[in-house]
Amino acid sequence: MSTEKNILEGAKSLFMQFGLKSITMDDIARKVGVSKKTIYQFFSDKNSIVFKSVHEHFSDHRQEIENVLDNSKNSIEAMYRISKCMKGQVEAINPTVLYDLQRYFPRAHKRFLEFKNTFIKERMIGILEDGVKSGYFRKEINPEILIIQRIEQVQLAFNNDIYPRDKFDFKEIHEQLFDHFLHGILTEKGKEKYNQYLNEEQHA
């Protein structure tokens, strides 16, 4: 692994665990085992590290979702597998990351918004439209309205003012919101298929 890549991976690990604002260049240097001078050979400041970290994170996440869509047999499987991807993301990230991103790192936050409001929105709308055609999702739904709601739900779960961490489990919040969303759009045919995937996972 190159020195630049090693610095970036070390920084990303710290950011995911402790949030963005609290991590210093000294912390990154200690984590990676290099001097700050070495870090500055590759990155002008902490902002540039955060931006590159966010850019790579969402590039990887984009590829992960594209792979799910390419290898899913139907819209239920796609929705189910994407929910597992998001669950993994949630479990690995400190809830303060999104707050820090929005408040202190506007350039990186813009990259996040592009990912959320363009790529994720378009792909998820496509899944819902396919699901309506195949009879898994209710024909009365408006995919764009509900996907915008779903995307904002995910972001809402990160808000400590709405769901205080001393009262709510971060993972459970996401699971409950996803379950509520999905069962609001499933037909009986869709419920049968979804339960099939749940049962297969339990017995895997």
N, C-alpha and C. Protein backbone atom coordinates (compact mmCIF):
# COMPACT_ATOMS: atom_id res chain seq x y z
N MET A 1 0.84 -1.19 0.00
CA MET A 1 0.00 0.00 0.00
C MET A 1 0.88 1.25 0.00
N SER A 2 0.56 2.22 -0.85
CA SER A 2 1.35 3.45 -0.92
C SER A 2 1.19 4.26 0.36
N THR A 3 2.13 5.16 0.59
CA THR A 3 2.07 6.00 1.79
C THR A 3 0.79 6.84 1.80
N GLU A 4 0.45 7.42 0.65
CA GLU A 4 -0.76 8.24 0.57
C GLU A 4 -2.00 7.41 0.90
N LYS A 5 -2.08 6.21 0.34
CA LYS A 5 -3.23 5.34 0.60
C LYS A 5 -3.27 4.93 2.06
N ASN A 6 -2.11 4.66 2.63
CA ASN A 6 -2.02 4.27 4.04
C ASN A 6 -2.51 5.40 4.95
N ILE A 7 -2.13 6.63 4.64
CA ILE A 7 -2.59 7.80 5.41
C ILE A 7 -4.10 7.92 5.32
N LEU A 8 -4.62 7.77 4.11
CA LEU A 8 -6.05 7.91 3.89
C LEU A 8 -6.84 6.83 4.62
N GLU A 9 -6.36 5.60 4.57
CA GLU A 9 -7.05 4.50 5.25
C GLU A 9 -7.03 4.70 6.76
N GLY A 10 -5.89 5.15 7.28
CA GLY A 10 -5.80 5.41 8.72
C GLY A 10 -6.73 6.52 9.16
N ALA A 11 -6.80 7.58 8.35
CA ALA A 11 -7.69 8.71 8.66
C ALA A 11 -9.15 8.27 8.61
N LYS A 12 -9.50 7.52 7.59
CA LYS A 12 -10.89 7.05 7.45
C LYS A 12 -11.30 6.20 8.65
N SER A 13 -10.39 5.37 9.11
CA SER A 13 -10.67 4.53 10.27
C SER A 13 -10.97 5.37 11.51
N LEU A 14 -10.17 6.41 11.71
CA LEU A 14 -10.38 7.30 12.85
C LEU A 14 -11.68 8.08 12.70
N PHE A 15 -11.95 8.59 11.51
CA PHE A 15 -13.16 9.37 11.26
C PHE A 15 -14.41 8.54 11.54
N MET A 16 -14.41 7.31 11.05
CA MET A 16 -15.57 6.44 11.22
C MET A 16 -15.82 6.11 12.69
N GLN A 17 -14.73 6.02 13.44
CA GLN A 17 -14.85 5.63 14.84
C GLN A 17 -15.17 6.80 15.77
N PHE A 18 -14.55 7.97 15.49
CA PHE A 18 -14.65 9.08 16.43
C PHE A 18 -15.32 10.34 15.87
N GLY A 19 -15.70 10.33 14.60
CA GLY A 19 -16.23 11.54 13.98
C GLY A 19 -15.13 12.32 13.30
N LEU A 20 -15.50 13.40 12.63
CA LEU A 20 -14.54 14.17 11.83
C LEU A 20 -13.84 15.28 12.61
N LYS A 21 -14.61 16.04 13.35
CA LYS A 21 -14.08 17.26 13.98
C LYS A 21 -13.02 16.96 15.04
N SER A 22 -13.21 15.92 15.82
CA SER A 22 -12.34 15.66 16.96
C SER A 22 -10.97 15.12 16.57
N ILE A 23 -10.84 14.61 15.36
CA ILE A 23 -9.57 14.00 14.93
C ILE A 23 -8.61 15.08 14.42
N THR A 24 -7.37 15.04 14.91
CA THR A 24 -6.36 16.02 14.51
C THR A 24 -5.34 15.37 13.58
N MET A 25 -4.50 16.20 12.99
CA MET A 25 -3.42 15.69 12.14
C MET A 25 -2.45 14.85 12.98
N ASP A 26 -2.26 15.23 14.23
CA ASP A 26 -1.41 14.44 15.13
C ASP A 26 -1.99 13.04 15.34
N ASP A 27 -3.31 12.97 15.50
CA ASP A 27 -3.98 11.68 15.67
C ASP A 27 -3.73 10.79 14.45
N ILE A 28 -3.88 11.39 13.27
CA ILE A 28 -3.69 10.63 12.03
C ILE A 28 -2.24 10.15 11.91
N ALA A 29 -1.31 11.04 12.24
CA ALA A 29 0.11 10.67 12.18
C ALA A 29 0.42 9.51 13.11
N ARG A 30 -0.11 9.55 14.33
CA ARG A 30 0.11 8.45 15.27
C ARG A 30 -0.53 7.15 14.78
N LYS A 31 -1.73 7.26 14.25
CA LYS A 31 -2.45 6.09 13.75
C LYS A 31 -1.68 5.40 12.63
N VAL A 32 -1.15 6.19 11.73
CA VAL A 32 -0.48 5.64 10.54
C VAL A 32 0.99 5.31 10.82
N GLY A 33 1.58 5.97 11.81
CA GLY A 33 2.98 5.74 12.12
C GLY A 33 3.93 6.53 11.23
N VAL A 34 3.48 7.74 10.86
CA VAL A 34 4.33 8.63 10.06
C VAL A 34 4.34 10.00 10.72
N SER A 35 5.22 10.87 10.25
CA SER A 35 5.28 12.22 10.79
C SER A 35 4.22 13.10 10.11
N LYS A 36 3.88 14.21 10.77
CA LYS A 36 2.96 15.16 10.13
C LYS A 36 3.57 15.72 8.85
N LYS A 37 4.87 15.87 8.86
CA LYS A 37 5.55 16.38 7.66
C LYS A 37 5.29 15.47 6.47
N THR A 38 5.31 14.18 6.72
CA THR A 38 5.02 13.22 5.64
C THR A 38 3.59 13.37 5.15
N ILE A 39 2.65 13.55 6.08
CA ILE A 39 1.25 13.73 5.69
C ILE A 39 1.09 14.96 4.80
N TYR A 40 1.77 16.03 5.15
CA TYR A 40 1.65 17.28 4.39
C TYR A 40 2.30 17.19 3.01
N GLN A 41 3.07 16.16 2.77
CA GLN A 41 3.60 15.94 1.43
C GLN A 41 2.50 15.49 0.47
N PHE A 42 1.41 14.91 1.04
CA PHE A 42 0.34 14.37 0.21
C PHE A 42 -0.97 15.15 0.35
N PHE A 43 -1.17 15.79 1.50
CA PHE A 43 -2.42 16.50 1.76
C PHE A 43 -2.12 17.88 2.33
N SER A 44 -2.76 18.89 1.79
CA SER A 44 -2.48 20.27 2.20
C SER A 44 -2.97 20.57 3.61
N ASP A 45 -4.07 19.94 4.01
CA ASP A 45 -4.64 20.16 5.34
C ASP A 45 -5.65 19.07 5.65
N LYS A 46 -6.26 19.17 6.82
CA LYS A 46 -7.23 18.16 7.23
C LYS A 46 -8.46 18.16 6.31
N ASN A 47 -8.85 19.35 5.84
CA ASN A 47 -10.00 19.42 4.92
C ASN A 47 -9.80 18.55 3.69
N SER A 48 -8.59 18.56 3.16
CA SER A 48 -8.32 17.77 1.96
C SER A 48 -8.38 16.27 2.25
N ILE A 49 -7.97 15.89 3.47
CA ILE A 49 -8.05 14.48 3.86
C ILE A 49 -9.51 14.06 4.01
N VAL A 50 -10.30 14.92 4.65
CA VAL A 50 -11.72 14.62 4.81
C VAL A 50 -12.40 14.49 3.46
N PHE A 51 -12.13 15.43 2.55
CA PHE A 51 -12.76 15.38 1.24
C PHE A 51 -12.39 14.11 0.49
N LYS A 52 -11.11 13.77 0.47
CA LYS A 52 -10.66 12.57 -0.24
C LYS A 52 -11.25 11.32 0.41
N SER A 53 -11.35 11.31 1.73
CA SER A 53 -11.93 10.18 2.44
C SER A 53 -13.40 10.00 2.07
N VAL A 54 -14.13 11.10 2.08
CA VAL A 54 -15.56 11.06 1.73
C VAL A 54 -15.74 10.65 0.28
N HIS A 55 -14.92 11.21 -0.59
CA HIS A 55 -15.00 10.87 -2.02
C HIS A 55 -14.78 9.37 -2.24
N GLU A 56 -13.75 8.83 -1.63
CA GLU A 56 -13.46 7.41 -1.80
C GLU A 56 -14.52 6.53 -1.15
N HIS A 57 -15.00 6.97 0.02
CA HIS A 57 -16.03 6.19 0.70
C HIS A 57 -17.27 6.04 -0.17
N PHE A 58 -17.73 7.14 -0.75
CA PHE A 58 -18.94 7.06 -1.56
C PHE A 58 -18.70 6.44 -2.93
N SER A 59 -17.49 6.52 -3.43
CA SER A 59 -17.15 5.81 -4.66
C SER A 59 -17.23 4.30 -4.43
N ASP A 60 -16.69 3.86 -3.29
CA ASP A 60 -16.76 2.44 -2.94
C ASP A 60 -18.20 2.00 -2.69
N HIS A 61 -18.95 2.84 -2.01
CA HIS A 61 -20.35 2.53 -1.70
C HIS A 61 -21.17 2.47 -2.98
N ARG A 62 -20.87 3.36 -3.92
CA ARG A 62 -21.55 3.36 -5.21
C ARG A 62 -21.32 2.04 -5.95
N GLN A 63 -20.06 1.59 -5.95
CA GLN A 63 -19.73 0.34 -6.63
C GLN A 63 -20.41 -0.84 -5.95
N GLU A 64 -20.49 -0.79 -4.63
CA GLU A 64 -21.16 -1.85 -3.87
C GLU A 64 -22.64 -1.94 -4.27
N ILE A 65 -23.29 -0.80 -4.38
CA ILE A 65 -24.70 -0.78 -4.75
C ILE A 65 -24.90 -1.21 -6.21
N GLU A 66 -24.01 -0.78 -7.09
CA GLU A 66 -24.09 -1.20 -8.50
C GLU A 66 -23.96 -2.72 -8.60
N ASN A 67 -23.06 -3.29 -7.81
CA ASN A 67 -22.91 -4.75 -7.81
C ASN A 67 -24.17 -5.45 -7.32
N VAL A 68 -24.80 -4.88 -6.30
CA VAL A 68 -26.06 -5.44 -5.81
C VAL A 68 -27.12 -5.43 -6.91
N LEU A 69 -27.26 -4.31 -7.59
CA LEU A 69 -28.27 -4.19 -8.64
C LEU A 69 -27.98 -5.14 -9.80
N ASP A 70 -26.71 -5.28 -10.13
CA ASP A 70 -26.33 -6.16 -11.25
C ASP A 70 -26.59 -7.63 -10.93
N ASN A 71 -26.56 -7.97 -9.65
CA ASN A 71 -26.65 -9.39 -9.27
C ASN A 71 -27.94 -9.75 -8.53
N SER A 72 -28.92 -8.84 -8.54
CA SER A 72 -30.20 -9.12 -7.90
C SER A 72 -31.20 -9.61 -8.94
N LYS A 73 -31.95 -10.64 -8.59
CA LYS A 73 -32.91 -11.24 -9.52
C LYS A 73 -34.19 -10.43 -9.65
N ASN A 74 -34.52 -9.65 -8.63
CA ASN A 74 -35.77 -8.88 -8.65
C ASN A 74 -35.66 -7.70 -7.69
N SER A 75 -36.68 -6.87 -7.68
CA SER A 75 -36.66 -5.64 -6.87
C SER A 75 -36.66 -5.92 -5.37
N ILE A 76 -37.29 -7.00 -4.94
CA ILE A 76 -37.30 -7.35 -3.53
C ILE A 76 -35.89 -7.72 -3.07
N GLU A 77 -35.23 -8.55 -3.88
CA GLU A 77 -33.86 -8.93 -3.53
C GLU A 77 -32.94 -7.71 -3.52
N ALA A 78 -33.12 -6.82 -4.51
CA ALA A 78 -32.30 -5.61 -4.57
C ALA A 78 -32.52 -4.75 -3.33
N MET A 79 -33.77 -4.54 -2.94
CA MET A 79 -34.08 -3.73 -1.77
C MET A 79 -33.53 -4.38 -0.50
N TYR A 80 -33.68 -5.70 -0.42
CA TYR A 80 -33.21 -6.44 0.75
C TYR A 80 -31.69 -6.35 0.88
N ARG A 81 -30.99 -6.54 -0.23
CA ARG A 81 -29.52 -6.54 -0.19
C ARG A 81 -28.96 -5.13 0.02
N ILE A 82 -29.63 -4.13 -0.53
CA ILE A 82 -29.19 -2.75 -0.30
C ILE A 82 -29.39 -2.38 1.17
N SER A 83 -30.48 -2.86 1.76
CA SER A 83 -30.72 -2.59 3.19
C SER A 83 -29.60 -3.21 4.04
N LYS A 84 -29.10 -4.38 3.61
CA LYS A 84 -27.99 -5.00 4.34
C LYS A 84 -26.71 -4.17 4.18
N CYS A 85 -26.51 -3.62 2.98
CA CYS A 85 -25.35 -2.74 2.77
C CYS A 85 -25.42 -1.53 3.69
N MET A 86 -26.61 -0.92 3.75
CA MET A 86 -26.79 0.27 4.57
C MET A 86 -26.64 -0.07 6.05
N LYS A 87 -27.11 -1.26 6.43
CA LYS A 87 -26.97 -1.69 7.82
C LYS A 87 -25.49 -1.79 8.20
N GLY A 88 -24.70 -2.35 7.28
CA GLY A 88 -23.27 -2.45 7.52
C GLY A 88 -22.62 -1.09 7.64
N GLN A 89 -23.07 -0.14 6.81
CA GLN A 89 -22.55 1.22 6.87
C GLN A 89 -22.87 1.86 8.22
N VAL A 90 -24.09 1.68 8.65
CA VAL A 90 -24.55 2.28 9.91
C VAL A 90 -23.77 1.74 11.10
N GLU A 91 -23.54 0.43 11.09
CA GLU A 91 -22.85 -0.20 12.21
C GLU A 91 -21.39 0.24 12.30
N ALA A 92 -20.83 0.68 11.16
CA ALA A 92 -19.40 1.01 11.13
C ALA A 92 -19.11 2.49 11.36
N ILE A 93 -20.14 3.31 11.41
CA ILE A 93 -19.91 4.76 11.43
C ILE A 93 -20.35 5.40 12.73
N ASN A 94 -19.58 6.37 13.20
CA ASN A 94 -19.97 7.16 14.36
C ASN A 94 -21.09 8.13 13.94
N PRO A 95 -22.19 8.17 14.68
CA PRO A 95 -23.32 9.02 14.29
C PRO A 95 -22.99 10.50 14.13
N THR A 96 -21.90 10.95 14.75
CA THR A 96 -21.55 12.38 14.66
C THR A 96 -20.95 12.76 13.31
N VAL A 97 -20.58 11.76 12.50
CA VAL A 97 -19.91 12.04 11.22
C VAL A 97 -20.74 12.95 10.33
N LEU A 98 -22.03 12.64 10.19
CA LEU A 98 -22.88 13.42 9.30
C LEU A 98 -23.04 14.85 9.80
N TYR A 99 -23.17 15.01 11.11
CA TYR A 99 -23.27 16.35 11.69
C TYR A 99 -21.99 17.14 11.44
N ASP A 100 -20.86 16.51 11.70
CA ASP A 100 -19.57 17.17 11.47
C ASP A 100 -19.41 17.56 10.01
N LEU A 101 -19.80 16.66 9.14
CA LEU A 101 -19.66 16.90 7.70
C LEU A 101 -20.46 18.13 7.28
N GLN A 102 -21.69 18.20 7.75
CA GLN A 102 -22.58 19.30 7.37
C GLN A 102 -22.11 20.64 7.95
N ARG A 103 -21.60 20.62 9.16
CA ARG A 103 -21.28 21.88 9.84
C ARG A 103 -19.87 22.40 9.54
N TYR A 104 -18.92 21.49 9.39
CA TYR A 104 -17.52 21.94 9.34
C TYR A 104 -16.80 21.68 8.01
N PHE A 105 -17.38 20.84 7.15
CA PHE A 105 -16.67 20.47 5.92
C PHE A 105 -17.59 20.59 4.70
N PRO A 106 -17.91 21.83 4.30
CA PRO A 106 -18.91 22.06 3.24
C PRO A 106 -18.57 21.41 1.90
N ARG A 107 -17.29 21.38 1.52
CA ARG A 107 -16.92 20.78 0.23
C ARG A 107 -17.19 19.27 0.24
N ALA A 108 -16.81 18.62 1.32
CA ALA A 108 -17.06 17.19 1.45
C ALA A 108 -18.56 16.91 1.59
N HIS A 109 -19.26 17.80 2.29
CA HIS A 109 -20.70 17.63 2.45
C HIS A 109 -21.42 17.74 1.10
N LYS A 110 -20.93 18.60 0.23
CA LYS A 110 -21.50 18.72 -1.11
C LYS A 110 -21.35 17.40 -1.87
N ARG A 111 -20.21 16.74 -1.70
CA ARG A 111 -20.00 15.44 -2.35
C ARG A 111 -21.00 14.42 -1.83
N PHE A 112 -21.27 14.45 -0.53
CA PHE A 112 -22.27 13.56 0.06
C PHE A 112 -23.65 13.83 -0.52
N LEU A 113 -24.02 15.10 -0.65
CA LEU A 113 -25.33 15.45 -1.19
C LEU A 113 -25.48 15.00 -2.64
N GLU A 114 -24.41 15.11 -3.41
CA GLU A 114 -24.46 14.63 -4.80
C GLU A 114 -24.73 13.14 -4.85
N PHE A 115 -24.07 12.40 -3.98
CA PHE A 115 -24.27 10.95 -3.91
C PHE A 115 -25.71 10.63 -3.50
N LYS A 116 -26.17 11.31 -2.46
CA LYS A 116 -27.50 11.03 -1.91
C LYS A 116 -28.62 11.44 -2.85
N ASN A 117 -28.55 12.66 -3.37
CA ASN A 117 -29.67 13.23 -4.13
C ASN A 117 -29.66 12.90 -5.61
N THR A 118 -28.57 12.31 -6.09
CA THR A 118 -28.52 11.93 -7.50
C THR A 118 -28.42 10.41 -7.64
N PHE A 119 -27.28 9.86 -7.28
CA PHE A 119 -27.07 8.42 -7.49
C PHE A 119 -28.07 7.56 -6.70
N ILE A 120 -28.10 7.73 -5.38
CA ILE A 120 -28.98 6.90 -4.55
C ILE A 120 -30.44 7.09 -4.95
N LYS A 121 -30.85 8.33 -5.12
CA LYS A 121 -32.23 8.62 -5.47
C LYS A 121 -32.63 7.94 -6.78
N GLU A 122 -31.82 8.08 -7.80
CA GLU A 122 -32.14 7.50 -9.10
C GLU A 122 -32.20 5.98 -9.06
N ARG A 123 -31.23 5.36 -8.38
CA ARG A 123 -31.21 3.90 -8.32
C ARG A 123 -32.39 3.36 -7.51
N MET A 124 -32.71 4.02 -6.41
CA MET A 124 -33.81 3.53 -5.57
C MET A 124 -35.17 3.73 -6.24
N ILE A 125 -35.33 4.83 -6.95
CA ILE A 125 -36.56 5.03 -7.71
C ILE A 125 -36.71 3.92 -8.75
N GLY A 126 -35.61 3.57 -9.40
CA GLY A 126 -35.64 2.48 -10.38
C GLY A 126 -36.09 1.16 -9.77
N ILE A 127 -35.61 0.87 -8.56
CA ILE A 127 -36.01 -0.36 -7.88
C ILE A 127 -37.51 -0.35 -7.60
N LEU A 128 -38.03 0.76 -7.11
CA LEU A 128 -39.46 0.84 -6.81
C LEU A 128 -40.30 0.72 -8.07
N GLU A 129 -39.87 1.36 -9.14
CA GLU A 129 -40.63 1.27 -10.39
C GLU A 129 -40.66 -0.17 -10.91
N ASP A 130 -39.53 -0.86 -10.83
CA ASP A 130 -39.49 -2.27 -11.24
C ASP A 130 -40.38 -3.12 -10.35
N GLY A 131 -40.37 -2.80 -9.05
CA GLY A 131 -41.19 -3.56 -8.11
C GLY A 131 -42.68 -3.39 -8.34
N VAL A 132 -43.09 -2.19 -8.74
CA VAL A 132 -44.50 -1.95 -9.07
C VAL A 132 -44.89 -2.77 -10.31
N LYS A 133 -44.03 -2.76 -11.31
CA LYS A 133 -44.32 -3.51 -12.55
C LYS A 133 -44.42 -5.01 -12.30
N SER A 134 -43.61 -5.51 -11.38
CA SER A 134 -43.60 -6.95 -11.12
C SER A 134 -44.62 -7.38 -10.07
N GLY A 135 -45.32 -6.40 -9.48
CA GLY A 135 -46.37 -6.72 -8.52
C GLY A 135 -45.90 -6.89 -7.09
N TYR A 136 -44.64 -6.56 -6.82
CA TYR A 136 -44.11 -6.67 -5.46
C TYR A 136 -44.42 -5.44 -4.63
N PHE A 137 -44.51 -4.28 -5.27
CA PHE A 137 -44.83 -3.03 -4.58
C PHE A 137 -46.17 -2.50 -5.06
N ARG A 138 -46.87 -1.82 -4.17
CA ARG A 138 -48.21 -1.32 -4.46
C ARG A 138 -48.20 -0.34 -5.63
N LYS A 139 -49.17 -0.51 -6.53
CA LYS A 139 -49.21 0.33 -7.73
C LYS A 139 -49.62 1.77 -7.42
N GLU A 140 -50.18 2.01 -6.22
CA GLU A 140 -50.62 3.36 -5.85
C GLU A 140 -49.47 4.28 -5.44
N ILE A 141 -48.30 3.74 -5.19
CA ILE A 141 -47.22 4.55 -4.64
C ILE A 141 -46.62 5.48 -5.70
N ASN A 142 -46.08 6.59 -5.23
CA ASN A 142 -45.28 7.48 -6.08
C ASN A 142 -43.82 7.25 -5.70
N PRO A 143 -43.06 6.52 -6.53
CA PRO A 143 -41.69 6.15 -6.17
C PRO A 143 -40.79 7.33 -5.78
N GLU A 144 -40.89 8.43 -6.51
CA GLU A 144 -40.00 9.56 -6.21
C GLU A 144 -40.30 10.15 -4.84
N ILE A 145 -41.58 10.34 -4.53
CA ILE A 145 -41.95 10.90 -3.23
C ILE A 145 -41.45 10.00 -2.09
N LEU A 146 -41.67 8.71 -2.23
CA LEU A 146 -41.31 7.80 -1.14
C LEU A 146 -39.81 7.60 -1.01
N ILE A 147 -39.09 7.64 -2.11
CA ILE A 147 -37.63 7.50 -2.02
C ILE A 147 -37.01 8.75 -1.38
N ILE A 148 -37.52 9.93 -1.72
CA ILE A 148 -37.04 11.14 -1.04
C ILE A 148 -37.30 11.02 0.46
N GLN A 149 -38.48 10.55 0.82
CA GLN A 149 -38.79 10.35 2.24
C GLN A 149 -37.83 9.36 2.88
N ARG A 150 -37.56 8.26 2.18
CA ARG A 150 -36.69 7.21 2.72
C ARG A 150 -35.26 7.72 2.92
N ILE A 151 -34.76 8.46 1.95
CA ILE A 151 -33.41 9.01 2.05
C ILE A 151 -33.30 9.96 3.24
N GLU A 152 -34.32 10.79 3.42
CA GLU A 152 -34.30 11.72 4.55
C GLU A 152 -34.47 10.99 5.88
N GLN A 153 -35.18 9.87 5.86
CA GLN A 153 -35.31 9.05 7.06
C GLN A 153 -33.95 8.57 7.54
N VAL A 154 -33.15 8.09 6.60
CA VAL A 154 -31.82 7.60 6.95
C VAL A 154 -31.00 8.71 7.59
N GLN A 155 -31.07 9.90 7.00
CA GLN A 155 -30.32 11.02 7.55
C GLN A 155 -30.87 11.45 8.91
N LEU A 156 -32.18 11.37 9.07
CA LEU A 156 -32.83 11.75 10.33
C LEU A 156 -32.32 10.90 11.49
N ALA A 157 -32.04 9.63 11.21
CA ALA A 157 -31.59 8.73 12.27
C ALA A 157 -30.27 9.17 12.88
N PHE A 158 -29.48 9.97 12.14
CA PHE A 158 -28.21 10.45 12.64
C PHE A 158 -28.37 11.66 13.57
N ASN A 159 -29.57 12.24 13.62
CA ASN A 159 -29.79 13.46 14.38
C ASN A 159 -29.97 13.16 15.86
N ASN A 160 -28.99 13.54 16.64
CA ASN A 160 -29.01 13.24 18.07
C ASN A 160 -30.10 14.01 18.82
N ASP A 161 -30.57 15.12 18.24
CA ASP A 161 -31.66 15.87 18.87
C ASP A 161 -32.99 15.13 18.74
N ILE A 162 -33.13 14.39 17.64
CA ILE A 162 -34.37 13.64 17.39
C ILE A 162 -34.32 12.28 18.08
N TYR A 163 -33.21 11.58 17.92
CA TYR A 163 -33.02 10.27 18.53
C TYR A 163 -31.77 10.30 19.41
N PRO A 164 -31.90 10.77 20.65
CA PRO A 164 -30.73 10.86 21.55
C PRO A 164 -30.06 9.51 21.73
N ARG A 165 -28.73 9.49 21.66
CA ARG A 165 -27.99 8.23 21.74
C ARG A 165 -28.09 7.57 23.12
N ASP A 166 -28.40 8.37 24.14
CA ASP A 166 -28.53 7.77 25.47
C ASP A 166 -29.90 7.10 25.67
N LYS A 167 -30.77 7.25 24.69
CA LYS A 167 -32.11 6.65 24.78
C LYS A 167 -32.37 5.63 23.69
N PHE A 168 -31.80 5.83 22.50
CA PHE A 168 -32.08 4.96 21.36
C PHE A 168 -30.81 4.29 20.85
N ASP A 169 -30.96 3.04 20.45
CA ASP A 169 -29.87 2.32 19.81
C ASP A 169 -29.83 2.69 18.33
N PHE A 170 -28.67 3.15 17.87
CA PHE A 170 -28.52 3.65 16.50
C PHE A 170 -28.91 2.59 15.47
N LYS A 171 -28.46 1.37 15.66
CA LYS A 171 -28.77 0.28 14.74
C LYS A 171 -30.26 -0.01 14.71
N GLU A 172 -30.90 -0.02 15.87
CA GLU A 172 -32.33 -0.31 15.95
C GLU A 172 -33.16 0.76 15.26
N ILE A 173 -32.73 2.01 15.36
CA ILE A 173 -33.45 3.10 14.69
C ILE A 173 -33.56 2.81 13.20
N HIS A 174 -32.43 2.48 12.59
CA HIS A 174 -32.41 2.21 11.15
C HIS A 174 -33.25 0.98 10.79
N GLU A 175 -33.15 -0.06 11.60
CA GLU A 175 -33.92 -1.27 11.33
C GLU A 175 -35.42 -1.00 11.40
N GLN A 176 -35.84 -0.25 12.40
CA GLN A 176 -37.26 0.06 12.56
C GLN A 176 -37.79 0.94 11.42
N LEU A 177 -37.01 1.95 11.05
CA LEU A 177 -37.44 2.85 9.98
C LEU A 177 -37.51 2.13 8.64
N PHE A 178 -36.54 1.25 8.37
CA PHE A 178 -36.55 0.49 7.12
C PHE A 178 -37.74 -0.46 7.08
N ASP A 179 -37.97 -1.16 8.18
CA ASP A 179 -39.08 -2.13 8.24
C ASP A 179 -40.42 -1.42 8.03
N HIS A 180 -40.57 -0.26 8.64
CA HIS A 180 -41.81 0.51 8.49
C HIS A 180 -41.98 0.98 7.05
N PHE A 181 -40.91 1.49 6.45
CA PHE A 181 -40.96 1.94 5.06
C PHE A 181 -41.33 0.80 4.13
N LEU A 182 -40.64 -0.32 4.25
CA LEU A 182 -40.84 -1.43 3.31
C LEU A 182 -42.25 -2.01 3.40
N HIS A 183 -42.74 -2.20 4.62
CA HIS A 183 -44.07 -2.78 4.76
C HIS A 183 -45.18 -1.81 4.34
N GLY A 184 -44.83 -0.56 4.17
CA GLY A 184 -45.81 0.40 3.65
C GLY A 184 -45.97 0.33 2.14
N ILE A 185 -45.04 -0.32 1.45
CA ILE A 185 -45.11 -0.37 -0.02
C ILE A 185 -45.30 -1.78 -0.57
N LEU A 186 -45.14 -2.81 0.27
CA LEU A 186 -45.24 -4.18 -0.21
C LEU A 186 -46.67 -4.61 -0.48
N THR A 187 -46.87 -5.38 -1.54
CA THR A 187 -48.13 -6.09 -1.77
C THR A 187 -48.04 -7.42 -1.03
N GLU A 188 -49.12 -8.21 -1.05
CA GLU A 188 -49.06 -9.53 -0.43
C GLU A 188 -48.01 -10.40 -1.12
N LYS A 189 -47.93 -10.29 -2.43
CA LYS A 189 -46.91 -11.02 -3.20
C LYS A 189 -45.52 -10.58 -2.76
N GLY A 190 -45.35 -9.28 -2.56
CA GLY A 190 -44.07 -8.76 -2.12
C GLY A 190 -43.70 -9.23 -0.72
N LYS A 191 -44.68 -9.28 0.17
CA LYS A 191 -44.43 -9.73 1.54
C LYS A 191 -43.96 -11.18 1.55
N GLU A 192 -44.58 -12.02 0.71
CA GLU A 192 -44.18 -13.42 0.64
C GLU A 192 -42.73 -13.55 0.18
N LYS A 193 -42.38 -12.80 -0.84
CA LYS A 193 -41.01 -12.86 -1.36
C LYS A 193 -40.01 -12.32 -0.34
N TYR A 194 -40.35 -11.22 0.32
CA TYR A 194 -39.46 -10.63 1.32
C TYR A 194 -39.26 -11.59 2.48
N ASN A 195 -40.33 -12.21 2.97
CA ASN A 195 -40.21 -13.17 4.07
C ASN A 195 -39.38 -14.38 3.67
N GLN A 196 -39.42 -14.72 2.38
CA GLN A 196 -38.61 -15.82 1.87
C GLN A 196 -37.12 -15.50 2.05
N TYR A 197 -36.74 -14.27 1.72
CA TYR A 197 -35.34 -13.88 1.89
C TYR A 197 -34.94 -13.84 3.36
N LEU A 198 -35.84 -13.38 4.21
CA LEU A 198 -35.54 -13.35 5.65
C LEU A 198 -35.34 -14.75 6.19
N ASN A 199 -36.21 -15.68 5.78
CA ASN A 199 -36.10 -17.06 6.25
C ASN A 199 -34.83 -17.73 5.75
N GLU A 200 -34.46 -17.43 4.51
CA GLU A 200 -33.23 -18.01 3.96
C GLU A 200 -32.02 -17.53 4.72
N GLU A 201 -32.03 -16.25 5.14
CA GLU A 201 -30.89 -15.73 5.89
C GLU A 201 -30.82 -16.35 7.28
N GLN A 202 -31.97 -16.54 7.91
CA GLN A 202 -31.99 -17.12 9.26
C GLN A 202 -31.48 -18.56 9.27
N HIS A 203 -31.68 -19.28 8.15
CA HIS A 203 -31.29 -20.67 8.09
C HIS A 203 -30.00 -20.90 7.32
N ALA A 204 -29.35 -19.78 6.96
CA ALA A 204 -28.10 -19.92 6.18
C ALA A 204 -26.95 -20.42 7.07
